[in-house]
PDB file of N, CA and C in Angstrom:
ATOM      1  N   MET A   1     -69.394 -95.539  -8.252  1.00  0.00           N
ATOM      2  CA  MET A   1     -69.211 -94.579  -9.313  1.00  0.00           C
ATOM      3  C   MET A   1     -70.862 -94.366  -9.710  1.00  0.00           C
ATOM      4  N   ASP A   2     -70.876 -92.967  -9.734  1.00  0.00           N
ATOM      5  CA  ASP A   2     -72.322 -92.442 -10.091  1.00  0.00           C
ATOM      6  C   ASP A   2     -72.497 -92.392 -11.565  1.00  0.00           C
ATOM      7  N   THR A   3     -71.540 -92.473 -12.591  1.00  0.00           N
ATOM      8  CA  THR A   3     -71.844 -92.252 -14.031  1.00  0.00           C
ATOM      9  C   THR A   3     -71.399 -93.736 -14.661  1.00  0.00           C
ATOM     10  N   PRO A   4     -72.223 -94.297 -15.645  1.00  0.00           N
ATOM     11  CA  PRO A   4     -71.678 -95.370 -16.055  1.00  0.00           C
ATOM     12  C   PRO A   4     -70.567 -95.094 -17.114  1.00  0.00           C
ATOM     13  N   LEU A   5     -69.669 -96.095 -17.394  1.00  0.00           N
ATOM     14  CA  LEU A   5     -68.713 -95.564 -18.741  1.00  0.00           C
ATOM     15  C   LEU A   5     -69.386 -95.911 -19.851  1.00  0.00           C
ATOM     16  N   LEU A   6     -70.222 -95.202 -20.356  1.00  0.00           N
ATOM     17  CA  LEU A   6     -70.601 -95.423 -21.873  1.00  0.00           C
ATOM     18  C   LEU A   6     -70.043 -94.444 -22.815  1.00  0.00           C
ATOM     19  N   LEU A   7     -70.114 -94.759 -23.874  1.00  0.00           N
ATOM     20  CA  LEU A   7     -69.301 -93.910 -25.107  1.00  0.00           C
ATOM     21  C   LEU A   7     -70.040 -92.680 -25.138  1.00  0.00           C
ATOM     22  N   ARG A   8     -71.371 -92.550 -24.962  1.00  0.00           N
ATOM     23  CA  ARG A   8     -72.118 -91.287 -24.792  1.00  0.00           C
ATOM     24  C   ARG A   8     -71.727 -90.433 -23.992  1.00  0.00           C
ATOM     25  N   THR A   9     -71.222 -90.926 -22.481  1.00  0.00           N
ATOM     26  CA  THR A   9     -70.738 -90.087 -21.742  1.00  0.00           C
ATOM     27  C   THR A   9     -69.408 -89.492 -22.056  1.00  0.00           C
ATOM     28  N   PHE A  10     -68.427 -90.451 -22.838  1.00  0.00           N
ATOM     29  CA  PHE A  10     -67.284 -89.635 -23.217  1.00  0.00           C
ATOM     30  C   PHE A  10     -67.478 -88.646 -24.352  1.00  0.00           C
ATOM     31  N   LEU A  11     -68.590 -88.949 -24.965  1.00  0.00           N
ATOM     32  CA  LEU A  11     -68.748 -87.798 -25.960  1.00  0.00           C
ATOM     33  C   LEU A  11     -69.555 -86.429 -25.422  1.00  0.00           C
ATOM     34  N   LEU A  12     -70.324 -86.717 -24.467  1.00  0.00           N
ATOM     35  CA  LEU A  12     -71.113 -85.570 -24.035  1.00  0.00           C
ATOM     36  C   LEU A  12     -70.128 -84.630 -22.940  1.00  0.00           C
ATOM     37  N   ARG A  13     -69.278 -85.599 -22.210  1.00  0.00           N
ATOM     38  CA  ARG A  13     -68.566 -84.888 -21.093  1.00  0.00           C
ATOM     39  C   ARG A  13     -67.733 -83.595 -21.684  1.00  0.00           C
ATOM     40  N   PRO A  14     -66.800 -83.685 -22.696  1.00  0.00           N
ATOM     41  CA  PRO A  14     -65.946 -82.608 -23.071  1.00  0.00           C
ATOM     42  C   PRO A  14     -66.779 -81.458 -23.649  1.00  0.00           C
ATOM     43  N   ALA A  15     -67.722 -81.932 -24.293  1.00  0.00           N
ATOM     44  CA  ALA A  15     -68.855 -80.921 -24.857  1.00  0.00           C
ATOM     45  C   ALA A  15     -69.424 -80.073 -23.879  1.00  0.00           C
ATOM     46  N   ARG A  16     -69.626 -80.742 -22.772  1.00  0.00           N
ATOM     47  CA  ARG A  16     -70.419 -79.720 -21.478  1.00  0.00           C
ATOM     48  C   ARG A  16     -69.434 -78.944 -20.704  1.00  0.00           C
ATOM     49  N   TYR A  17     -68.270 -79.644 -20.455  1.00  0.00           N
ATOM     50  CA  TYR A  17     -67.567 -79.066 -19.688  1.00  0.00           C
ATOM     51  C   TYR A  17     -66.308 -78.325 -20.064  1.00  0.00           C
ATOM     52  N   PHE A  18     -65.880 -78.630 -21.469  1.00  0.00           N
ATOM     53  CA  PHE A  18     -64.494 -78.178 -21.878  1.00  0.00           C
ATOM     54  C   PHE A  18     -64.934 -77.705 -23.306  1.00  0.00           C
ATOM     55  N   SER A  19     -66.182 -77.065 -23.569  1.00  0.00           N
ATOM     56  CA  SER A  19     -66.532 -76.899 -24.981  1.00  0.00           C
ATOM     57  C   SER A  19     -65.644 -75.964 -25.803  1.00  0.00           C
ATOM     58  N   LYS A  20     -65.116 -74.908 -25.100  1.00  0.00           N
ATOM     59  CA  LYS A  20     -64.108 -74.056 -25.865  1.00  0.00           C
ATOM     60  C   LYS A  20     -62.641 -74.644 -26.023  1.00  0.00           C
ATOM     61  N   LYS A  21     -62.465 -75.853 -25.433  1.00  0.00           N
ATOM     62  CA  LYS A  21     -61.129 -76.427 -25.598  1.00  0.00           C
ATOM     63  C   LYS A  21     -61.026 -76.851 -27.064  1.00  0.00           C
ATOM     64  N   GLU A  22     -59.817 -76.897 -27.482  1.00  0.00           N
ATOM     65  CA  GLU A  22     -59.653 -77.269 -29.123  1.00  0.00           C
ATOM     66  C   GLU A  22     -59.110 -78.829 -29.125  1.00  0.00           C
ATOM     67  N   VAL A  23     -59.736 -79.316 -30.390  1.00  0.00           N
ATOM     68  CA  VAL A  23     -59.130 -80.848 -30.650  1.00  0.00           C
ATOM     69  C   VAL A  23     -58.399 -80.373 -31.720  1.00  0.00           C
ATOM     70  N   VAL A  24     -57.084 -80.925 -31.803  1.00  0.00           N
ATOM     71  CA  VAL A  24     -56.395 -80.664 -32.918  1.00  0.00           C
ATOM     72  C   VAL A  24     -55.713 -82.022 -33.502  1.00  0.00           C
ATOM     73  N   SER A  25     -55.905 -81.845 -34.823  1.00  0.00           N
ATOM     74  CA  SER A  25     -55.377 -83.050 -35.546  1.00  0.00           C
ATOM     75  C   SER A  25     -54.562 -82.885 -36.761  1.00  0.00           C
ATOM     76  N   LEU A  26     -53.471 -83.500 -37.070  1.00  0.00           N
ATOM     77  CA  LEU A  26     -52.938 -83.255 -38.376  1.00  0.00           C
ATOM     78  C   LEU A  26     -53.488 -83.795 -39.500  1.00  0.00           C
ATOM     79  N   ILE A  27     -53.611 -83.341 -40.606  1.00  0.00           N
ATOM     80  CA  ILE A  27     -54.076 -83.933 -41.814  1.00  0.00           C
ATOM     81  C   ILE A  27     -53.020 -83.517 -42.815  1.00  0.00           C
ATOM     82  N   PRO A  28     -52.982 -84.282 -44.102  1.00  0.00           N
ATOM     83  CA  PRO A  28     -51.744 -83.954 -45.140  1.00  0.00           C
ATOM     84  C   PRO A  28     -51.790 -82.495 -45.332  1.00  0.00           C
ATOM     85  N   GLU A  29     -50.529 -81.856 -45.153  1.00  0.00           N
ATOM     86  CA  GLU A  29     -50.199 -80.289 -45.173  1.00  0.00           C
ATOM     87  C   GLU A  29     -51.063 -79.408 -44.456  1.00  0.00           C
ATOM     88  N   ALA A  30     -51.409 -79.839 -43.412  1.00  0.00           N
ATOM     89  CA  ALA A  30     -52.102 -79.025 -42.856  1.00  0.00           C
ATOM     90  C   ALA A  30     -52.642 -79.182 -41.288  1.00  0.00           C
ATOM     91  N   VAL A  31     -53.025 -78.400 -40.431  1.00  0.00           N
ATOM     92  CA  VAL A  31     -53.457 -78.724 -38.885  1.00  0.00           C
ATOM     93  C   VAL A  31     -54.622 -78.143 -39.009  1.00  0.00           C
ATOM     94  N   HIS A  32     -55.634 -79.163 -38.499  1.00  0.00           N
ATOM     95  CA  HIS A  32     -57.435 -79.052 -38.491  1.00  0.00           C
ATOM     96  C   HIS A  32     -57.334 -78.822 -36.721  1.00  0.00           C
ATOM     97  N   ARG A  33     -58.085 -77.728 -36.462  1.00  0.00           N
ATOM     98  CA  ARG A  33     -58.447 -77.415 -35.125  1.00  0.00           C
ATOM     99  C   ARG A  33     -59.905 -76.864 -35.148  1.00  0.00           C
ATOM    100  N   TYR A  34     -60.576 -77.529 -33.980  1.00  0.00           N
ATOM    101  CA  TYR A  34     -61.834 -77.052 -33.882  1.00  0.00           C
ATOM    102  C   TYR A  34     -62.246 -77.472 -32.315  1.00  0.00           C
ATOM    103  N   THR A  35     -63.229 -76.774 -31.916  1.00  0.00           N
ATOM    104  CA  THR A  35     -63.710 -77.049 -30.309  1.00  0.00           C
ATOM    105  C   THR A  35     -64.405 -78.303 -30.078  1.00  0.00           C
ATOM    106  N   TYR A  36     -64.438 -78.652 -28.711  1.00  0.00           N
ATOM    107  CA  TYR A  36     -65.231 -79.855 -28.493  1.00  0.00           C
ATOM    108  C   TYR A  36     -66.805 -79.266 -28.670  1.00  0.00           C
ATOM    109  N   ALA A  37     -67.250 -78.556 -28.622  1.00  0.00           N
ATOM    110  CA  ALA A  37     -68.343 -77.827 -29.046  1.00  0.00           C
ATOM    111  C   ALA A  37     -68.760 -78.260 -30.545  1.00  0.00           C
ATOM    112  N   ASP A  38     -67.723 -77.873 -31.406  1.00  0.00           N
ATOM    113  CA  ASP A  38     -67.909 -78.461 -32.880  1.00  0.00           C
ATOM    114  C   ASP A  38     -67.936 -79.706 -33.079  1.00  0.00           C
ATOM    115  N   TYR A  39     -67.395 -80.529 -32.449  1.00  0.00           N
ATOM    116  CA  TYR A  39     -66.735 -81.740 -32.467  1.00  0.00           C
ATOM    117  C   TYR A  39     -68.206 -82.419 -31.872  1.00  0.00           C
ATOM    118  N   TYR A  40     -68.742 -82.071 -31.040  1.00  0.00           N
ATOM    119  CA  TYR A  40     -70.051 -82.813 -30.590  1.00  0.00           C
ATOM    120  C   TYR A  40     -71.078 -82.547 -31.685  1.00  0.00           C
ATOM    121  N   LYS A  41     -71.167 -81.466 -32.139  1.00  0.00           N
ATOM    122  CA  LYS A  41     -72.081 -81.130 -33.266  1.00  0.00           C
ATOM    123  C   LYS A  41     -71.893 -82.109 -34.367  1.00  0.00           C
ATOM    124  N   ARG A  42     -70.684 -81.996 -34.779  1.00  0.00           N
ATOM    125  CA  ARG A  42     -70.568 -82.745 -36.301  1.00  0.00           C
ATOM    126  C   ARG A  42     -70.770 -83.962 -35.824  1.00  0.00           C
ATOM    127  N   VAL A  43     -70.415 -84.766 -34.528  1.00  0.00           N
ATOM    128  CA  VAL A  43     -70.820 -86.033 -34.399  1.00  0.00           C
ATOM    129  C   VAL A  43     -72.060 -86.278 -34.780  1.00  0.00           C
ATOM    130  N   CYS A  44     -72.812 -85.389 -33.772  1.00  0.00           N
ATOM    131  CA  CYS A  44     -74.410 -85.632 -33.906  1.00  0.00           C
ATOM    132  C   CYS A  44     -74.948 -85.471 -35.288  1.00  0.00           C
ATOM    133  N   GLN A  45     -74.288 -84.652 -36.233  1.00  0.00           N
ATOM    134  CA  GLN A  45     -74.831 -84.590 -37.464  1.00  0.00           C
ATOM    135  C   GLN A  45     -74.486 -85.603 -38.344  1.00  0.00           C
ATOM    136  N   LEU A  46     -73.379 -86.395 -38.123  1.00  0.00           N
ATOM    137  CA  LEU A  46     -73.024 -87.561 -39.059  1.00  0.00           C
ATOM    138  C   LEU A  46     -73.962 -88.650 -38.373  1.00  0.00           C
ATOM    139  N   ALA A  47     -74.486 -88.854 -37.198  1.00  0.00           N
ATOM    140  CA  ALA A  47     -75.286 -89.732 -36.769  1.00  0.00           C
ATOM    141  C   ALA A  47     -76.440 -89.704 -37.392  1.00  0.00           C
ATOM    142  N   HIS A  48     -77.224 -88.469 -37.374  1.00  0.00           N
ATOM    143  CA  HIS A  48     -78.215 -88.021 -38.111  1.00  0.00           C
ATOM    144  C   HIS A  48     -78.194 -88.611 -39.427  1.00  0.00           C
ATOM    145  N   VAL A  49     -77.121 -88.365 -40.397  1.00  0.00           N
ATOM    146  CA  VAL A  49     -76.994 -88.591 -41.648  1.00  0.00           C
ATOM    147  C   VAL A  49     -76.906 -90.215 -41.908  1.00  0.00           C
ATOM    148  N   MET A  50     -76.084 -90.992 -41.020  1.00  0.00           N
ATOM    149  CA  MET A  50     -76.285 -92.231 -41.219  1.00  0.00           C
ATOM    150  C   MET A  50     -77.734 -92.972 -40.826  1.00  0.00           C
ATOM    151  N   LYS A  51     -78.335 -92.459 -39.552  1.00  0.00           N
ATOM    152  CA  LYS A  51     -79.932 -92.757 -39.718  1.00  0.00           C
ATOM    153  C   LYS A  51     -80.594 -92.341 -40.913  1.00  0.00           C
ATOM    154  N   SER A  52     -80.243 -91.142 -41.419  1.00  0.00           N
ATOM    155  CA  SER A  52     -81.121 -90.995 -42.838  1.00  0.00           C
ATOM    156  C   SER A  52     -80.963 -91.850 -43.948  1.00  0.00           C
ATOM    157  N   LEU A  53     -79.614 -92.681 -43.641  1.00  0.00           N
ATOM    158  CA  LEU A  53     -79.207 -93.487 -44.931  1.00  0.00           C
ATOM    159  C   LEU A  53     -79.787 -94.906 -44.523  1.00  0.00           C
ATOM    160  N   ASP A  54     -80.622 -94.934 -43.467  1.00  0.00           N
ATOM    161  CA  ASP A  54     -81.100 -96.483 -42.664  1.00  0.00           C
ATOM    162  C   ASP A  54     -80.061 -97.084 -42.323  1.00  0.00           C
ATOM    163  N   ILE A  55     -78.953 -96.757 -41.773  1.00  0.00           N
ATOM    164  CA  ILE A  55     -77.799 -97.422 -41.055  1.00  0.00           C
ATOM    165  C   ILE A  55     -78.512 -97.504 -39.605  1.00  0.00           C
ATOM    166  N   ARG A  56     -78.842 -98.529 -39.090  1.00  0.00           N
ATOM    167  CA  ARG A  56     -79.464 -99.081 -37.744  1.00  0.00           C
ATOM    168  C   ARG A  56     -78.482 -99.751 -36.827  1.00  0.00           C
ATOM    169  N   GLY A  57     -79.004 -99.885 -35.531  1.00  0.00           N
ATOM    170  CA  GLY A  57     -78.324-100.939 -34.554  1.00  0.00           C
ATOM    171  C   GLY A  57     -77.944-102.173 -35.160  1.00  0.00           C
ATOM    172  N   GLY A  58     -76.740-102.528 -35.147  1.00  0.00           N
ATOM    173  CA  GLY A  58     -76.335-103.967 -35.751  1.00  0.00           C
ATOM    174  C   GLY A  58     -75.594-103.737 -36.853  1.00  0.00           C
ATOM    175  N   ASP A  59     -76.128-102.790 -37.714  1.00  0.00           N
ATOM    176  CA  ASP A  59     -75.464-102.742 -39.133  1.00  0.00           C
ATOM    177  C   ASP A  59     -74.033-102.528 -38.760  1.00  0.00           C
ATOM    178  N   LYS A  60     -73.097-102.954 -40.306  1.00  0.00           N
ATOM    179  CA  LYS A  60     -71.675-102.873 -39.877  1.00  0.00           C
ATOM    180  C   LYS A  60     -71.369-101.622 -40.780  1.00  0.00           C
ATOM    181  N   VAL A  61     -70.497-100.707 -40.395  1.00  0.00           N
ATOM    182  CA  VAL A  61     -69.945 -99.481 -41.053  1.00  0.00           C
ATOM    183  C   VAL A  61     -68.228 -99.853 -41.345  1.00  0.00           C
ATOM    184  N   ALA A  62     -67.871 -99.728 -42.364  1.00  0.00           N
ATOM    185  CA  ALA A  62     -66.514 -99.798 -42.859  1.00  0.00           C
ATOM    186  C   ALA A  62     -66.038 -98.342 -42.809  1.00  0.00           C
ATOM    187  N   SER A  63     -64.829 -98.459 -42.370  1.00  0.00           N
ATOM    188  CA  SER A  63     -63.746 -96.937 -42.440  1.00  0.00           C
ATOM    189  C   SER A  63     -62.791 -96.987 -42.966  1.00  0.00           C
ATOM    190  N   ILE A  64     -62.274 -96.141 -43.951  1.00  0.00           N
ATOM    191  CA  ILE A  64     -60.842 -96.093 -44.268  1.00  0.00           C
ATOM    192  C   ILE A  64     -60.350 -94.809 -44.074  1.00  0.00           C
ATOM    193  N   ALA A  65     -60.969 -94.185 -43.213  1.00  0.00           N
ATOM    194  CA  ALA A  65     -60.568 -92.834 -42.665  1.00  0.00           C
ATOM    195  C   ALA A  65     -58.957 -92.869 -42.016  1.00  0.00           C
ATOM    196  N   MET A  66     -58.352 -91.972 -42.596  1.00  0.00           N
ATOM    197  CA  MET A  66     -56.966 -91.806 -41.754  1.00  0.00           C
ATOM    198  C   MET A  66     -57.317 -91.667 -40.299  1.00  0.00           C
ATOM    199  N   ASN A  67     -56.137 -91.393 -39.550  1.00  0.00           N
ATOM    200  CA  ASN A  67     -56.230 -91.227 -38.260  1.00  0.00           C
ATOM    201  C   ASN A  67     -56.249 -89.791 -37.699  1.00  0.00           C
ATOM    202  N   ASP A  68     -57.454 -89.028 -37.983  1.00  0.00           N
ATOM    203  CA  ASP A  68     -57.643 -87.843 -37.639  1.00  0.00           C
ATOM    204  C   ASP A  68     -59.031 -87.389 -37.393  1.00  0.00           C
ATOM    205  N   HIS A  69     -59.494 -86.229 -37.287  1.00  0.00           N
ATOM    206  CA  HIS A  69     -60.726 -85.732 -37.005  1.00  0.00           C
ATOM    207  C   HIS A  69     -61.826 -86.524 -37.198  1.00  0.00           C
ATOM    208  N   ARG A  70     -61.722 -86.592 -38.516  1.00  0.00           N
ATOM    209  CA  ARG A  70     -62.986 -87.359 -39.209  1.00  0.00           C
ATOM    210  C   ARG A  70     -62.845 -88.922 -38.308  1.00  0.00           C
ATOM    211  N   HIS A  71     -62.072 -89.533 -38.799  1.00  0.00           N
ATOM    212  CA  HIS A  71     -61.980 -90.974 -37.732  1.00  0.00           C
ATOM    213  C   HIS A  71     -62.581 -91.005 -36.683  1.00  0.00           C
ATOM    214  N   LEU A  72     -62.012 -89.897 -35.821  1.00  0.00           N
ATOM    215  CA  LEU A  72     -62.457 -89.871 -34.405  1.00  0.00           C
ATOM    216  C   LEU A  72     -64.165 -89.664 -34.180  1.00  0.00           C
ATOM    217  N   GLU A  73     -64.524 -88.456 -35.235  1.00  0.00           N
ATOM    218  CA  GLU A  73     -66.032 -88.626 -35.393  1.00  0.00           C
ATOM    219  C   GLU A  73     -66.621 -89.819 -35.691  1.00  0.00           C
ATOM    220  N   LEU A  74     -66.242 -90.719 -36.365  1.00  0.00           N
ATOM    221  CA  LEU A  74     -66.928 -92.165 -36.738  1.00  0.00           C
ATOM    222  C   LEU A  74     -66.545 -92.775 -35.580  1.00  0.00           C
ATOM    223  N   CYS A  75     -65.712 -92.901 -34.951  1.00  0.00           N
ATOM    224  CA  CYS A  75     -65.463 -93.666 -33.847  1.00  0.00           C
ATOM    225  C   CYS A  75     -66.563 -93.371 -32.796  1.00  0.00           C
ATOM    226  N   PHE A  76     -67.019 -92.260 -32.510  1.00  0.00           N
ATOM    227  CA  PHE A  76     -68.203 -91.823 -31.808  1.00  0.00           C
ATOM    228  C   PHE A  76     -69.664 -91.995 -32.385  1.00  0.00           C
ATOM    229  N   SER A  77     -69.700 -91.622 -33.582  1.00  0.00           N
ATOM    230  CA  SER A  77     -71.129 -91.449 -34.000  1.00  0.00           C
ATOM    231  C   SER A  77     -71.777 -92.901 -34.481  1.00  0.00           C
ATOM    232  N   VAL A  78     -70.931 -93.767 -35.241  1.00  0.00           N
ATOM    233  CA  VAL A  78     -71.202 -95.137 -35.453  1.00  0.00           C
ATOM    234  C   VAL A  78     -71.865 -95.872 -34.168  1.00  0.00           C
ATOM    235  N   PRO A  79     -70.902 -96.047 -32.965  1.00  0.00           N
ATOM    236  CA  PRO A  79     -71.520 -96.897 -32.029  1.00  0.00           C
ATOM    237  C   PRO A  79     -72.566 -96.157 -31.242  1.00  0.00           C
ATOM    238  N   CYS A  80     -72.663 -94.935 -31.643  1.00  0.00           N
ATOM    239  CA  CYS A  80     -74.145 -94.190 -30.437  1.00  0.00           C
ATOM    240  C   CYS A  80     -75.009 -94.714 -31.256  1.00  0.00           C
ATOM    241  N   ILE A  81     -75.173 -94.965 -32.443  1.00  0.00           N
ATOM    242  CA  ILE A  81     -76.423 -95.111 -33.096  1.00  0.00           C
ATOM    243  C   ILE A  81     -76.652 -96.768 -33.204  1.00  0.00           C
ATOM    244  N   GLY A  82     -75.780 -97.336 -32.664  1.00  0.00           N
ATOM    245  CA  GLY A  82     -75.889 -98.743 -32.375  1.00  0.00           C
ATOM    246  C   GLY A  82     -75.241 -99.752 -33.552  1.00  0.00           C
ATOM    247  N   ALA A  83     -74.621 -99.056 -34.239  1.00  0.00           N
ATOM    248  CA  ALA A  83     -74.021 -99.863 -35.458  1.00  0.00           C
ATOM    249  C   ALA A  83     -72.579-100.345 -35.061  1.00  0.00           C
ATOM    250  N   VAL A  84     -71.949-101.169 -35.709  1.00  0.00           N
ATOM    251  CA  VAL A  84     -70.733-101.490 -35.502  1.00  0.00           C
ATOM    252  C   VAL A  84     -69.365-100.981 -36.454  1.00  0.00           C
ATOM    253  N   LEU A  85     -68.537-100.166 -35.783  1.00  0.00           N
ATOM    254  CA  LEU A  85     -67.665 -99.641 -36.913  1.00  0.00           C
ATOM    255  C   LEU A  85     -66.245-100.402 -36.994  1.00  0.00           C
ATOM    256  N   HIS A  86     -65.868-100.900 -38.530  1.00  0.00           N
ATOM    257  CA  HIS A  86     -64.767-101.840 -38.742  1.00  0.00           C
ATOM    258  C   HIS A  86     -64.100-100.741 -39.421  1.00  0.00           C
ATOM    259  N   THR A  87     -62.688-100.652 -39.139  1.00  0.00           N
ATOM    260  CA  THR A  87     -61.597 -99.896 -39.507  1.00  0.00           C
ATOM    261  C   THR A  87     -61.038-100.938 -40.422  1.00  0.00           C
ATOM    262  N   VAL A  88     -60.764-100.678 -41.844  1.00  0.00           N
ATOM    263  CA  VAL A  88     -60.369-101.542 -42.732  1.00  0.00           C
ATOM    264  C   VAL A  88     -58.720-100.929 -42.629  1.00  0.00           C
ATOM    265  N   ASN A  89     -57.892-102.050 -42.836  1.00  0.00           N
ATOM    266  CA  ASN A  89     -56.425-101.725 -43.038  1.00  0.00           C
ATOM    267  C   ASN A  89     -56.146-102.040 -44.547  1.00  0.00           C
ATOM    268  N   TYR A  90     -56.095-101.160 -45.312  1.00  0.00           N
ATOM    269  CA  TYR A  90     -55.719-101.396 -46.372  1.00  0.00           C
ATOM    270  C   TYR A  90     -54.320-101.627 -46.673  1.00  0.00           C
ATOM    271  N   ARG A  91     -53.543-101.391 -45.874  1.00  0.00           N
ATOM    272  CA  ARG A  91     -52.165-101.995 -45.930  1.00  0.00           C
ATOM    273  C   ARG A  91     -51.736-103.273 -45.713  1.00  0.00           C
ATOM    274  N   GLN A  92     -52.615-103.968 -45.075  1.00  0.00           N
ATOM    275  CA  GLN A  92     -52.345-105.580 -44.712  1.00  0.00           C
ATOM    276  C   GLN A  92     -52.486-106.454 -45.792  1.00  0.00           C
ATOM    277  N   PRO A  93     -51.517-107.305 -46.004  1.00  0.00           N
ATOM    278  CA  PRO A  93     -51.688-108.125 -47.507  1.00  0.00           C
ATOM    279  C   PRO A  93     -52.722-109.157 -46.941  1.00  0.00           C
ATOM    280  N   LEU A  94     -53.351-109.673 -48.054  1.00  0.00           N
ATOM    281  CA  LEU A  94     -54.192-110.546 -47.696  1.00  0.00           C
ATOM    282  C   LEU A  94     -53.604-112.071 -47.550  1.00  0.00           C
TER     283      LEU A  94
END
């Protein structure tokens, strides 16, 4: 295999080869659509914002995002800056 299976590879490939294809997610009372090019741009913007907030490699980031486009962006931006993403299950009893 010529290309290593890295998360950055999974982020870059759709933006490079399928930039006009859509990512569709259901949010309460609506459908959110945007292209893989927009998705890539938003993931990069989120990564830059987290770096500006001094989140670095090895830091832990908790997410209470629902399973939609925002959560997808977190799943890529957090690990790509070297931080660890923890999804919080607020429905699980203590």
